[in-house]
N, C-alpha and C. Protein backbone atom coordinates (compact mmCIF):
# COMPACT_ATOMS: atom_id res chain seq x y z
N MET A 1 253.16 112.80 8.03
CA MET A 1 252.87 113.61 6.85
C MET A 1 252.12 112.76 5.84
N SER A 2 251.01 113.26 5.38
CA SER A 2 250.25 112.51 4.38
C SER A 2 250.99 112.53 3.05
N ALA A 3 250.99 111.40 2.36
CA ALA A 3 251.71 111.31 1.10
C ALA A 3 250.99 112.09 0.02
N PRO A 4 251.72 112.92 -0.75
CA PRO A 4 251.08 113.64 -1.84
C PRO A 4 250.73 112.71 -2.98
N ALA A 5 249.79 113.13 -3.79
CA ALA A 5 249.46 112.36 -4.99
C ALA A 5 250.68 112.27 -5.88
N ARG A 6 250.72 111.27 -6.78
CA ARG A 6 251.90 111.03 -7.59
C ARG A 6 251.94 111.90 -8.82
N ARG A 7 251.36 113.04 -8.77
CA ARG A 7 251.43 113.97 -9.89
C ARG A 7 251.19 115.38 -9.37
N LEU A 8 251.58 116.35 -10.14
CA LEU A 8 251.44 117.75 -9.75
C LEU A 8 250.23 118.36 -10.43
N PRO A 9 249.42 119.17 -9.73
CA PRO A 9 248.30 119.84 -10.39
C PRO A 9 248.77 120.63 -11.60
N ALA A 10 248.04 120.51 -12.70
CA ALA A 10 248.46 121.17 -13.95
C ALA A 10 248.61 122.66 -13.78
N LYS A 11 247.79 123.27 -12.94
CA LYS A 11 247.86 124.71 -12.73
C LYS A 11 249.23 125.12 -12.22
N ARG A 12 249.81 124.34 -11.32
CA ARG A 12 251.12 124.69 -10.79
C ARG A 12 252.19 124.57 -11.86
N ILE A 13 252.06 123.61 -12.76
CA ILE A 13 253.02 123.51 -13.85
C ILE A 13 252.95 124.73 -14.74
N ALA A 14 251.75 125.19 -15.02
CA ALA A 14 251.59 126.38 -15.86
C ALA A 14 252.21 127.59 -15.22
N GLU A 15 252.26 127.61 -13.89
CA GLU A 15 252.84 128.75 -13.18
C GLU A 15 254.35 128.63 -13.06
N GLY A 16 254.91 127.47 -13.41
CA GLY A 16 256.30 127.20 -13.14
C GLY A 16 257.25 127.89 -14.09
N GLY A 17 258.56 127.65 -13.81
CA GLY A 17 259.61 128.28 -14.60
C GLY A 17 260.11 127.38 -15.70
N SER A 18 261.41 127.44 -15.96
CA SER A 18 261.99 126.77 -17.12
C SER A 18 261.92 125.26 -17.04
N ALA A 19 261.86 124.69 -15.82
CA ALA A 19 261.79 123.23 -15.72
C ALA A 19 260.50 122.69 -16.30
N GLY A 20 259.48 123.52 -16.41
CA GLY A 20 258.20 123.08 -16.95
C GLY A 20 258.05 123.33 -18.42
N ARG A 21 259.09 123.86 -19.10
CA ARG A 21 258.98 124.15 -20.52
C ARG A 21 260.22 123.65 -21.24
N PRO A 22 260.07 123.12 -22.44
CA PRO A 22 261.24 122.69 -23.19
C PRO A 22 262.19 123.85 -23.44
N ALA A 23 263.49 123.55 -23.41
CA ALA A 23 264.49 124.57 -23.68
C ALA A 23 264.44 124.98 -25.15
N PRO A 24 264.97 126.16 -25.50
CA PRO A 24 264.95 126.60 -26.89
C PRO A 24 265.69 125.63 -27.80
N ARG A 25 265.25 125.56 -29.04
CA ARG A 25 265.92 124.70 -30.01
C ARG A 25 267.21 125.38 -30.48
N ARG A 26 268.26 124.56 -30.65
CA ARG A 26 269.54 125.10 -31.09
C ARG A 26 270.13 124.20 -32.17
N GLY A 27 269.42 124.10 -33.27
CA GLY A 27 269.95 123.34 -34.38
C GLY A 27 270.15 121.88 -34.03
N ARG A 28 271.30 121.33 -34.38
CA ARG A 28 271.57 119.91 -34.21
C ARG A 28 272.44 119.65 -32.99
N ASP A 29 272.51 120.58 -32.08
CA ASP A 29 273.32 120.44 -30.88
C ASP A 29 272.73 119.34 -29.99
N GLY A 30 273.50 118.25 -29.77
CA GLY A 30 273.01 117.15 -28.96
C GLY A 30 272.75 117.54 -27.53
N THR A 31 273.55 118.46 -26.99
CA THR A 31 273.34 118.91 -25.62
C THR A 31 272.00 119.61 -25.47
N ALA A 32 271.66 120.45 -26.45
CA ALA A 32 270.39 121.16 -26.41
C ALA A 32 269.22 120.19 -26.56
N THR A 33 269.39 119.17 -27.41
CA THR A 33 268.33 118.17 -27.57
C THR A 33 268.09 117.43 -26.27
N ARG A 34 269.15 117.04 -25.60
CA ARG A 34 269.02 116.35 -24.32
C ARG A 34 268.31 117.24 -23.31
N ALA A 35 268.66 118.53 -23.31
CA ALA A 35 268.03 119.46 -22.37
C ALA A 35 266.53 119.57 -22.63
N ARG A 36 266.14 119.60 -23.91
CA ARG A 36 264.71 119.66 -24.24
C ARG A 36 263.99 118.39 -23.78
N ILE A 37 264.62 117.26 -24.00
CA ILE A 37 264.02 115.99 -23.57
C ILE A 37 263.84 115.99 -22.05
N GLU A 38 264.86 116.40 -21.32
CA GLU A 38 264.78 116.40 -19.86
C GLU A 38 263.72 117.37 -19.36
N ALA A 39 263.65 118.55 -19.96
CA ALA A 39 262.66 119.54 -19.52
C ALA A 39 261.24 119.05 -19.75
N GLU A 40 261.01 118.44 -20.91
CA GLU A 40 259.66 117.94 -21.20
C GLU A 40 259.32 116.73 -20.34
N ALA A 41 260.29 115.85 -20.13
CA ALA A 41 260.05 114.69 -19.27
C ALA A 41 259.72 115.13 -17.86
N LEU A 42 260.44 116.11 -17.37
CA LEU A 42 260.18 116.60 -16.01
C LEU A 42 258.77 117.16 -15.90
N ARG A 43 258.37 117.93 -16.89
CA ARG A 43 257.02 118.51 -16.87
C ARG A 43 255.96 117.41 -16.88
N LEU A 44 256.13 116.44 -17.75
CA LEU A 44 255.13 115.38 -17.88
C LEU A 44 255.13 114.43 -16.68
N PHE A 45 256.32 114.10 -16.18
CA PHE A 45 256.39 113.22 -15.01
C PHE A 45 255.70 113.86 -13.81
N ALA A 46 255.89 115.17 -13.65
CA ALA A 46 255.27 115.86 -12.52
C ALA A 46 253.76 115.94 -12.70
N GLN A 47 253.32 116.15 -13.93
CA GLN A 47 251.89 116.34 -14.19
C GLN A 47 251.13 115.02 -14.27
N LYS A 48 251.72 114.02 -14.95
CA LYS A 48 250.98 112.78 -15.24
C LYS A 48 251.53 111.57 -14.50
N GLY A 49 252.68 111.73 -13.85
CA GLY A 49 253.34 110.58 -13.25
C GLY A 49 254.19 109.85 -14.28
N ILE A 50 255.16 109.09 -13.80
CA ILE A 50 256.03 108.36 -14.72
C ILE A 50 255.25 107.28 -15.46
N ASP A 51 254.43 106.54 -14.74
CA ASP A 51 253.65 105.47 -15.39
C ASP A 51 252.65 106.02 -16.40
N GLY A 52 252.16 107.22 -16.16
CA GLY A 52 251.17 107.82 -17.06
C GLY A 52 251.77 108.55 -18.24
N THR A 53 253.09 108.56 -18.33
CA THR A 53 253.79 109.25 -19.42
C THR A 53 254.49 108.23 -20.30
N SER A 54 254.32 108.35 -21.60
CA SER A 54 254.98 107.44 -22.53
C SER A 54 256.19 108.11 -23.15
N VAL A 55 257.08 107.30 -23.71
CA VAL A 55 258.23 107.84 -24.44
C VAL A 55 257.74 108.70 -25.60
N ARG A 56 256.67 108.28 -26.25
CA ARG A 56 256.11 109.08 -27.35
C ARG A 56 255.67 110.45 -26.86
N ASP A 57 255.02 110.50 -25.69
CA ASP A 57 254.60 111.79 -25.13
C ASP A 57 255.79 112.73 -24.97
N ILE A 58 256.86 112.19 -24.40
CA ILE A 58 258.06 113.01 -24.14
C ILE A 58 258.67 113.48 -25.45
N ALA A 59 258.83 112.55 -26.39
CA ALA A 59 259.45 112.90 -27.67
C ALA A 59 258.64 113.96 -28.41
N GLN A 60 257.32 113.79 -28.45
CA GLN A 60 256.48 114.77 -29.14
C GLN A 60 256.57 116.14 -28.47
N GLY A 61 256.52 116.16 -27.15
CA GLY A 61 256.60 117.44 -26.45
C GLY A 61 257.93 118.13 -26.62
N ALA A 62 259.00 117.34 -26.74
CA ALA A 62 260.34 117.91 -26.91
C ALA A 62 260.66 118.21 -28.36
N GLY A 63 259.79 117.79 -29.27
CA GLY A 63 260.02 118.06 -30.69
C GLY A 63 261.11 117.20 -31.29
N VAL A 64 261.23 115.95 -30.81
CA VAL A 64 262.24 115.03 -31.35
C VAL A 64 261.56 113.70 -31.67
N SER A 65 262.26 112.86 -32.41
CA SER A 65 261.74 111.52 -32.69
C SER A 65 262.01 110.62 -31.49
N GLU A 66 261.27 109.52 -31.42
CA GLU A 66 261.54 108.56 -30.35
C GLU A 66 262.95 108.00 -30.47
N GLY A 67 263.42 107.82 -31.70
CA GLY A 67 264.78 107.34 -31.90
C GLY A 67 265.81 108.30 -31.34
N ALA A 68 265.58 109.60 -31.52
CA ALA A 68 266.50 110.59 -30.98
C ALA A 68 266.52 110.53 -29.46
N LEU A 69 265.35 110.32 -28.87
CA LEU A 69 265.30 110.22 -27.41
C LEU A 69 266.11 109.01 -26.94
N TYR A 70 265.96 107.90 -27.64
CA TYR A 70 266.68 106.69 -27.22
C TYR A 70 268.18 106.80 -27.44
N ARG A 71 268.62 107.73 -28.25
CA ARG A 71 270.07 107.94 -28.39
C ARG A 71 270.64 108.60 -27.14
N HIS A 72 269.80 109.24 -26.35
CA HIS A 72 270.26 109.89 -25.12
C HIS A 72 269.95 109.05 -23.88
N PHE A 73 268.86 108.31 -23.90
CA PHE A 73 268.45 107.51 -22.75
C PHE A 73 267.94 106.16 -23.24
N VAL A 74 268.41 105.08 -22.62
CA VAL A 74 268.04 103.75 -23.12
C VAL A 74 266.60 103.39 -22.76
N SER A 75 266.03 104.08 -21.78
CA SER A 75 264.66 103.77 -21.38
C SER A 75 264.05 104.96 -20.66
N LYS A 76 262.74 104.94 -20.53
CA LYS A 76 262.05 105.97 -19.76
C LYS A 76 262.50 105.94 -18.30
N GLU A 77 262.74 104.74 -17.78
CA GLU A 77 263.16 104.60 -16.39
C GLU A 77 264.54 105.20 -16.16
N GLU A 78 265.44 105.00 -17.12
CA GLU A 78 266.77 105.61 -16.99
C GLU A 78 266.65 107.13 -17.02
N LEU A 79 265.80 107.65 -17.87
CA LEU A 79 265.58 109.09 -17.95
C LEU A 79 265.05 109.61 -16.62
N ALA A 80 264.07 108.92 -16.04
CA ALA A 80 263.50 109.35 -14.77
C ALA A 80 264.55 109.38 -13.67
N ARG A 81 265.39 108.35 -13.64
CA ARG A 81 266.43 108.30 -12.60
C ARG A 81 267.49 109.37 -12.82
N ALA A 82 267.90 109.56 -14.07
CA ALA A 82 268.91 110.58 -14.36
C ALA A 82 268.41 111.96 -13.98
N LEU A 83 267.15 112.23 -14.26
CA LEU A 83 266.56 113.51 -13.87
C LEU A 83 266.62 113.70 -12.36
N PHE A 84 266.21 112.68 -11.63
CA PHE A 84 266.19 112.81 -10.17
C PHE A 84 267.60 113.01 -9.63
N LEU A 85 268.52 112.14 -10.00
CA LEU A 85 269.87 112.19 -9.42
C LEU A 85 270.57 113.50 -9.74
N SER A 86 270.44 113.99 -10.96
CA SER A 86 271.14 115.22 -11.33
C SER A 86 270.55 116.43 -10.62
N ARG A 87 269.24 116.52 -10.55
CA ARG A 87 268.60 117.68 -9.91
C ARG A 87 268.77 117.62 -8.40
N TYR A 88 268.69 116.43 -7.83
CA TYR A 88 268.87 116.28 -6.38
C TYR A 88 270.29 116.65 -5.99
N ALA A 89 271.27 116.22 -6.79
CA ALA A 89 272.66 116.56 -6.52
C ALA A 89 272.91 118.05 -6.67
N ALA A 90 272.26 118.68 -7.63
CA ALA A 90 272.42 120.13 -7.80
C ALA A 90 271.92 120.87 -6.57
N LEU A 91 270.79 120.43 -6.01
CA LEU A 91 270.26 121.05 -4.80
C LEU A 91 271.20 120.81 -3.63
N ALA A 92 271.71 119.60 -3.50
CA ALA A 92 272.65 119.30 -2.43
C ALA A 92 273.91 120.16 -2.55
N GLY A 93 274.38 120.35 -3.77
CA GLY A 93 275.56 121.18 -3.98
C GLY A 93 275.35 122.62 -3.54
N LYS A 94 274.15 123.14 -3.77
CA LYS A 94 273.85 124.50 -3.34
C LYS A 94 273.79 124.60 -1.81
N ILE A 95 273.29 123.55 -1.16
CA ILE A 95 273.28 123.53 0.30
C ILE A 95 274.71 123.48 0.83
N CYS A 96 275.57 122.70 0.19
CA CYS A 96 276.98 122.65 0.60
C CYS A 96 277.65 124.01 0.43
N ALA A 97 277.30 124.73 -0.62
CA ALA A 97 277.86 126.06 -0.83
C ALA A 97 277.42 127.01 0.28
N ILE A 98 276.18 126.89 0.71
CA ILE A 98 275.71 127.70 1.84
C ILE A 98 276.48 127.34 3.10
N ASP A 99 276.70 126.05 3.31
CA ASP A 99 277.42 125.58 4.50
C ASP A 99 278.85 126.11 4.53
N ALA A 100 279.43 126.35 3.36
CA ALA A 100 280.82 126.83 3.29
C ALA A 100 280.96 128.31 3.62
N ARG A 101 279.86 129.02 3.73
CA ARG A 101 279.92 130.45 4.02
C ARG A 101 280.39 130.71 5.46
N GLU A 102 280.94 131.90 5.66
CA GLU A 102 281.25 132.37 7.01
C GLU A 102 279.96 132.96 7.57
N ALA A 103 279.21 132.17 8.30
CA ALA A 103 277.91 132.61 8.80
C ALA A 103 277.54 131.76 10.00
N THR A 104 276.58 132.24 10.78
CA THR A 104 276.07 131.46 11.90
C THR A 104 275.18 130.34 11.39
N LEU A 105 274.93 129.36 12.25
CA LEU A 105 274.04 128.27 11.85
C LEU A 105 272.66 128.80 11.51
N ALA A 106 272.17 129.74 12.30
CA ALA A 106 270.83 130.30 12.03
C ALA A 106 270.79 130.95 10.66
N GLU A 107 271.87 131.65 10.29
CA GLU A 107 271.92 132.30 8.98
C GLU A 107 271.97 131.27 7.86
N LYS A 108 272.71 130.19 8.08
CA LYS A 108 272.80 129.14 7.06
C LYS A 108 271.45 128.44 6.89
N LEU A 109 270.80 128.14 8.00
CA LEU A 109 269.50 127.48 7.92
C LEU A 109 268.49 128.36 7.19
N ALA A 110 268.53 129.66 7.50
CA ALA A 110 267.62 130.58 6.82
C ALA A 110 267.90 130.61 5.32
N ALA A 111 269.19 130.53 4.95
CA ALA A 111 269.55 130.54 3.53
C ALA A 111 269.07 129.26 2.84
N VAL A 112 269.13 128.13 3.53
CA VAL A 112 268.64 126.87 2.96
C VAL A 112 267.13 126.94 2.75
N VAL A 113 266.42 127.49 3.73
CA VAL A 113 264.97 127.65 3.59
C VAL A 113 264.65 128.56 2.41
N GLU A 114 265.37 129.67 2.29
CA GLU A 114 265.14 130.59 1.17
C GLU A 114 265.42 129.89 -0.16
N LEU A 115 266.47 129.08 -0.20
CA LEU A 115 266.80 128.33 -1.41
C LEU A 115 265.66 127.40 -1.80
N ALA A 116 265.15 126.65 -0.83
CA ALA A 116 264.06 125.71 -1.12
C ALA A 116 262.79 126.43 -1.56
N CYS A 117 262.48 127.52 -0.89
CA CYS A 117 261.28 128.28 -1.26
C CYS A 117 261.42 128.88 -2.66
N ALA A 118 262.61 129.38 -2.97
CA ALA A 118 262.84 129.96 -4.29
C ALA A 118 262.73 128.89 -5.38
N LEU A 119 263.24 127.69 -5.10
CA LEU A 119 263.12 126.60 -6.05
C LEU A 119 261.66 126.25 -6.28
N PHE A 120 260.90 126.17 -5.20
CA PHE A 120 259.48 125.85 -5.33
C PHE A 120 258.75 126.90 -6.16
N ASP A 121 259.00 128.17 -5.87
CA ASP A 121 258.28 129.23 -6.57
C ASP A 121 258.66 129.31 -8.05
N ALA A 122 259.95 129.08 -8.35
CA ALA A 122 260.41 129.20 -9.73
C ALA A 122 260.16 127.94 -10.54
N GLU A 123 260.30 126.78 -9.90
CA GLU A 123 260.24 125.50 -10.61
C GLU A 123 259.36 124.51 -9.85
N PRO A 124 258.05 124.75 -9.76
CA PRO A 124 257.21 123.83 -8.99
C PRO A 124 257.20 122.41 -9.53
N ALA A 125 257.34 122.24 -10.84
CA ALA A 125 257.38 120.89 -11.40
C ALA A 125 258.62 120.15 -10.91
N LEU A 126 259.76 120.83 -10.89
CA LEU A 126 260.99 120.21 -10.41
C LEU A 126 260.87 119.87 -8.93
N PHE A 127 260.38 120.81 -8.14
CA PHE A 127 260.24 120.57 -6.70
C PHE A 127 259.32 119.37 -6.47
N ALA A 128 258.20 119.35 -7.17
CA ALA A 128 257.25 118.25 -7.00
C ALA A 128 257.85 116.92 -7.44
N TYR A 129 258.62 116.94 -8.52
CA TYR A 129 259.23 115.70 -8.99
C TYR A 129 260.18 115.13 -7.94
N LEU A 130 261.04 116.00 -7.38
CA LEU A 130 261.97 115.54 -6.35
C LEU A 130 261.22 115.02 -5.13
N LEU A 131 260.16 115.71 -4.76
CA LEU A 131 259.38 115.32 -3.59
C LEU A 131 258.63 114.01 -3.80
N ILE A 132 257.90 113.93 -4.89
CA ILE A 132 257.01 112.80 -5.11
C ILE A 132 257.77 111.52 -5.44
N HIS A 133 258.88 111.65 -6.17
CA HIS A 133 259.56 110.46 -6.66
C HIS A 133 260.82 110.12 -5.87
N GLN A 134 261.04 110.77 -4.73
CA GLN A 134 262.23 110.47 -3.95
C GLN A 134 262.27 109.00 -3.52
N HIS A 135 261.12 108.43 -3.23
CA HIS A 135 261.09 107.05 -2.74
C HIS A 135 261.51 106.05 -3.82
N ASP A 136 261.40 106.45 -5.07
CA ASP A 136 261.81 105.57 -6.17
C ASP A 136 263.32 105.59 -6.39
N HIS A 137 263.98 106.66 -5.95
CA HIS A 137 265.37 106.85 -6.37
C HIS A 137 266.37 107.07 -5.24
N LEU A 138 265.92 107.33 -4.02
CA LEU A 138 266.87 107.66 -2.95
C LEU A 138 267.86 106.54 -2.67
N ALA A 139 267.48 105.30 -2.91
CA ALA A 139 268.40 104.19 -2.68
C ALA A 139 269.61 104.27 -3.60
N HIS A 140 269.50 105.03 -4.68
CA HIS A 140 270.60 105.15 -5.65
C HIS A 140 271.40 106.44 -5.46
N VAL A 141 271.03 107.23 -4.46
CA VAL A 141 271.73 108.50 -4.21
C VAL A 141 272.97 108.23 -3.36
N PRO A 142 274.16 108.70 -3.77
CA PRO A 142 275.35 108.54 -2.95
C PRO A 142 275.19 109.25 -1.60
N GLU A 143 275.97 108.81 -0.61
CA GLU A 143 275.90 109.42 0.71
C GLU A 143 276.68 110.74 0.80
N ALA A 144 277.52 111.01 -0.18
CA ALA A 144 278.34 112.23 -0.14
C ALA A 144 277.45 113.47 -0.04
N PRO A 145 277.79 114.42 0.84
CA PRO A 145 276.96 115.62 1.00
C PRO A 145 276.74 116.38 -0.31
N GLU A 146 277.72 116.34 -1.20
CA GLU A 146 277.59 117.06 -2.47
C GLU A 146 276.54 116.45 -3.39
N ALA A 147 276.07 115.25 -3.07
CA ALA A 147 275.07 114.58 -3.90
C ALA A 147 273.78 114.28 -3.15
N ASN A 148 273.78 114.49 -1.84
CA ASN A 148 272.68 114.03 -0.99
C ASN A 148 272.19 115.18 -0.11
N VAL A 149 270.97 115.62 -0.31
CA VAL A 149 270.41 116.75 0.44
C VAL A 149 270.39 116.46 1.94
N VAL A 150 269.96 115.27 2.32
CA VAL A 150 269.87 114.93 3.74
C VAL A 150 271.24 114.95 4.39
N THR A 151 272.23 114.35 3.74
CA THR A 151 273.58 114.32 4.28
C THR A 151 274.16 115.73 4.35
N ALA A 152 273.86 116.55 3.37
CA ALA A 152 274.36 117.93 3.37
C ALA A 152 273.82 118.71 4.56
N VAL A 153 272.54 118.54 4.86
CA VAL A 153 271.94 119.24 6.01
C VAL A 153 272.50 118.69 7.31
N GLU A 154 272.64 117.37 7.41
CA GLU A 154 273.20 116.77 8.62
C GLU A 154 274.62 117.25 8.86
N ARG A 155 275.42 117.35 7.80
CA ARG A 155 276.79 117.83 7.97
C ARG A 155 276.81 119.27 8.42
N MET A 156 275.91 120.09 7.89
CA MET A 156 275.83 121.48 8.31
C MET A 156 275.57 121.57 9.82
N LEU A 157 274.64 120.76 10.29
CA LEU A 157 274.32 120.77 11.72
C LEU A 157 275.49 120.25 12.54
N ALA A 158 276.13 119.18 12.08
CA ALA A 158 277.25 118.61 12.81
C ALA A 158 278.42 119.58 12.90
N ARG A 159 278.69 120.29 11.82
CA ARG A 159 279.78 121.27 11.83
C ARG A 159 279.52 122.41 12.79
N ALA A 160 278.24 122.65 13.05
CA ALA A 160 277.88 123.72 13.99
C ALA A 160 277.87 123.23 15.44
N GLY A 161 278.24 121.96 15.64
CA GLY A 161 278.33 121.44 16.99
C GLY A 161 277.15 120.63 17.46
N VAL A 162 276.19 120.37 16.58
CA VAL A 162 275.04 119.55 16.97
C VAL A 162 275.50 118.09 16.99
N PRO A 163 275.32 117.37 18.12
CA PRO A 163 275.74 115.97 18.19
C PRO A 163 275.11 115.14 17.08
N ALA A 164 275.82 114.11 16.64
CA ALA A 164 275.38 113.33 15.49
C ALA A 164 273.97 112.76 15.66
N ALA A 165 273.68 112.21 16.84
CA ALA A 165 272.36 111.62 17.06
C ALA A 165 271.26 112.66 16.94
N ARG A 166 271.53 113.86 17.43
CA ARG A 166 270.55 114.94 17.33
C ARG A 166 270.48 115.50 15.92
N ALA A 167 271.63 115.53 15.24
CA ALA A 167 271.67 116.13 13.90
C ALA A 167 270.77 115.38 12.93
N THR A 168 270.72 114.06 13.04
CA THR A 168 269.88 113.28 12.14
C THR A 168 268.40 113.60 12.34
N LEU A 169 267.96 113.60 13.61
CA LEU A 169 266.55 113.90 13.89
C LEU A 169 266.23 115.35 13.58
N ALA A 170 267.13 116.26 13.97
CA ALA A 170 266.89 117.68 13.71
C ALA A 170 266.83 117.95 12.21
N GLY A 171 267.70 117.29 11.45
CA GLY A 171 267.69 117.46 10.00
C GLY A 171 266.39 116.98 9.39
N ALA A 172 265.90 115.83 9.87
CA ALA A 172 264.64 115.30 9.36
C ALA A 172 263.48 116.24 9.66
N MET A 173 263.44 116.76 10.87
CA MET A 173 262.35 117.65 11.26
C MET A 173 262.45 118.99 10.53
N ALA A 174 263.68 119.47 10.34
CA ALA A 174 263.87 120.73 9.63
C ALA A 174 263.41 120.62 8.18
N LEU A 175 263.77 119.52 7.54
CA LEU A 175 263.34 119.31 6.15
C LEU A 175 261.82 119.21 6.07
N GLY A 176 261.22 118.59 7.07
CA GLY A 176 259.77 118.50 7.10
C GLY A 176 259.10 119.85 7.19
N CYS A 177 259.75 120.78 7.92
CA CYS A 177 259.20 122.14 8.04
C CYS A 177 259.14 122.85 6.70
N VAL A 178 260.03 122.47 5.80
CA VAL A 178 260.04 123.08 4.46
C VAL A 178 259.11 122.32 3.52
N VAL A 179 259.17 121.00 3.57
CA VAL A 179 258.44 120.18 2.61
C VAL A 179 256.93 120.27 2.79
N GLN A 180 256.45 120.21 4.03
CA GLN A 180 255.00 120.17 4.21
C GLN A 180 254.31 121.47 3.77
N PRO A 181 254.85 122.66 4.08
CA PRO A 181 254.24 123.86 3.51
C PRO A 181 254.24 123.84 1.98
N ALA A 182 255.30 123.28 1.39
CA ALA A 182 255.35 123.18 -0.07
C ALA A 182 254.24 122.28 -0.60
N VAL A 183 253.99 121.17 0.09
CA VAL A 183 252.91 120.27 -0.31
C VAL A 183 251.57 121.00 -0.24
N PHE A 184 251.36 121.74 0.85
CA PHE A 184 250.12 122.50 0.98
C PHE A 184 249.99 123.52 -0.14
N ALA A 185 251.09 124.19 -0.48
CA ALA A 185 251.04 125.19 -1.55
C ALA A 185 250.76 124.54 -2.90
N LEU A 186 251.33 123.36 -3.13
CA LEU A 186 251.10 122.66 -4.39
C LEU A 186 249.62 122.39 -4.62
N TYR A 187 248.93 122.06 -3.55
CA TYR A 187 247.53 121.67 -3.68
C TYR A 187 246.56 122.75 -3.24
N GLY A 188 247.06 124.00 -3.19
CA GLY A 188 246.19 125.14 -3.00
C GLY A 188 245.74 125.40 -1.58
N ARG A 189 246.35 124.76 -0.60
CA ARG A 189 245.98 124.99 0.79
C ARG A 189 246.71 126.19 1.38
N LEU A 190 247.76 126.63 0.72
CA LEU A 190 248.45 127.88 1.06
C LEU A 190 248.49 128.74 -0.19
N ASP A 191 248.16 130.00 -0.05
CA ASP A 191 248.14 130.92 -1.19
C ASP A 191 249.44 131.71 -1.26
N GLY A 192 249.71 132.24 -2.45
CA GLY A 192 250.84 133.14 -2.63
C GLY A 192 252.16 132.39 -2.74
N PRO A 193 253.23 133.11 -3.05
CA PRO A 193 254.54 132.47 -3.18
C PRO A 193 255.03 131.93 -1.84
N LEU A 194 255.68 130.79 -1.89
CA LEU A 194 256.21 130.20 -0.66
C LEU A 194 257.33 131.07 -0.09
N GLY A 195 258.03 131.78 -0.97
CA GLY A 195 259.10 132.65 -0.51
C GLY A 195 258.64 133.70 0.47
N ALA A 196 257.37 134.10 0.37
CA ALA A 196 256.84 135.09 1.31
C ALA A 196 256.75 134.55 2.72
N ARG A 197 256.81 133.24 2.86
CA ARG A 197 256.73 132.59 4.17
C ARG A 197 258.08 132.06 4.63
N ALA A 198 259.13 132.36 3.88
CA ALA A 198 260.45 131.81 4.20
C ALA A 198 260.92 132.20 5.59
N GLY A 199 260.66 133.44 6.00
CA GLY A 199 261.09 133.88 7.32
C GLY A 199 260.42 133.08 8.43
N GLU A 200 259.12 132.86 8.31
CA GLU A 200 258.39 132.08 9.31
C GLU A 200 258.90 130.65 9.36
N ILE A 201 259.12 130.07 8.19
CA ILE A 201 259.61 128.69 8.14
C ILE A 201 261.00 128.60 8.75
N ALA A 202 261.85 129.57 8.43
CA ALA A 202 263.22 129.56 8.96
C ALA A 202 263.22 129.66 10.48
N ARG A 203 262.35 130.48 11.03
CA ARG A 203 262.28 130.59 12.49
C ARG A 203 261.83 129.28 13.12
N ALA A 204 260.91 128.59 12.47
CA ALA A 204 260.48 127.29 12.98
C ALA A 204 261.62 126.28 12.94
N VAL A 205 262.37 126.28 11.85
CA VAL A 205 263.51 125.37 11.72
C VAL A 205 264.55 125.67 12.79
N GLU A 206 264.86 126.94 12.99
CA GLU A 206 265.84 127.31 14.00
C GLU A 206 265.37 126.86 15.39
N GLY A 207 264.09 127.03 15.68
CA GLY A 207 263.56 126.62 16.97
C GLY A 207 263.69 125.12 17.20
N ILE A 208 263.45 124.35 16.15
CA ILE A 208 263.59 122.89 16.25
C ILE A 208 265.03 122.51 16.56
N VAL A 209 265.95 123.10 15.84
CA VAL A 209 267.37 122.76 16.02
C VAL A 209 267.84 123.14 17.41
N GLU A 210 267.35 124.25 17.92
CA GLU A 210 267.77 124.70 19.25
C GLU A 210 267.22 123.82 20.36
N LYS A 211 266.01 123.29 20.18
CA LYS A 211 265.33 122.63 21.29
C LYS A 211 265.41 121.11 21.27
N ILE A 212 265.73 120.53 20.13
CA ILE A 212 265.70 119.07 20.06
C ILE A 212 266.87 118.46 20.84
């Protein structure tokens, strides 16, 4: 798979959901301020890259002072890591919730594909951030399925009876079936919402798991 550029096309950010826009202001609520900082940082990191984004850029976009930002995060690097770990864990948690359902493996895999496609369509900046910056942060991700997307998928396959050695390779290939179409969509090589292709992607994933 060719590596995507370290930033997201601005057009896709403009099409995105709440992850690409600062949250509403709510007076002096520190939680709301942190949410605004995170939303703006995510948008800028996806569009300009971490190195191309300054603390001043984030603070101005979030409508806070640089001092206020530093009260929540000691550095831009800590902010970038916190964003990745929290969002990556949230996605892993949703995959674990799918795995807990009373359903066949094919149904669970289809639900995971639908989840990923829905995330891409609603929050392209978030999806791109997780994709592009995973290599910077995966070493800091716990192995627990509730925090780790890869481990969550591998556990789903193992619980369905897929041998461990096969589950690792099948999980890697299945994730690739989702990620590469998303990369193509990010850069305009695929048109329309990715969710419209979820069924096709899910069938490809199921075929891989069955045959590997």
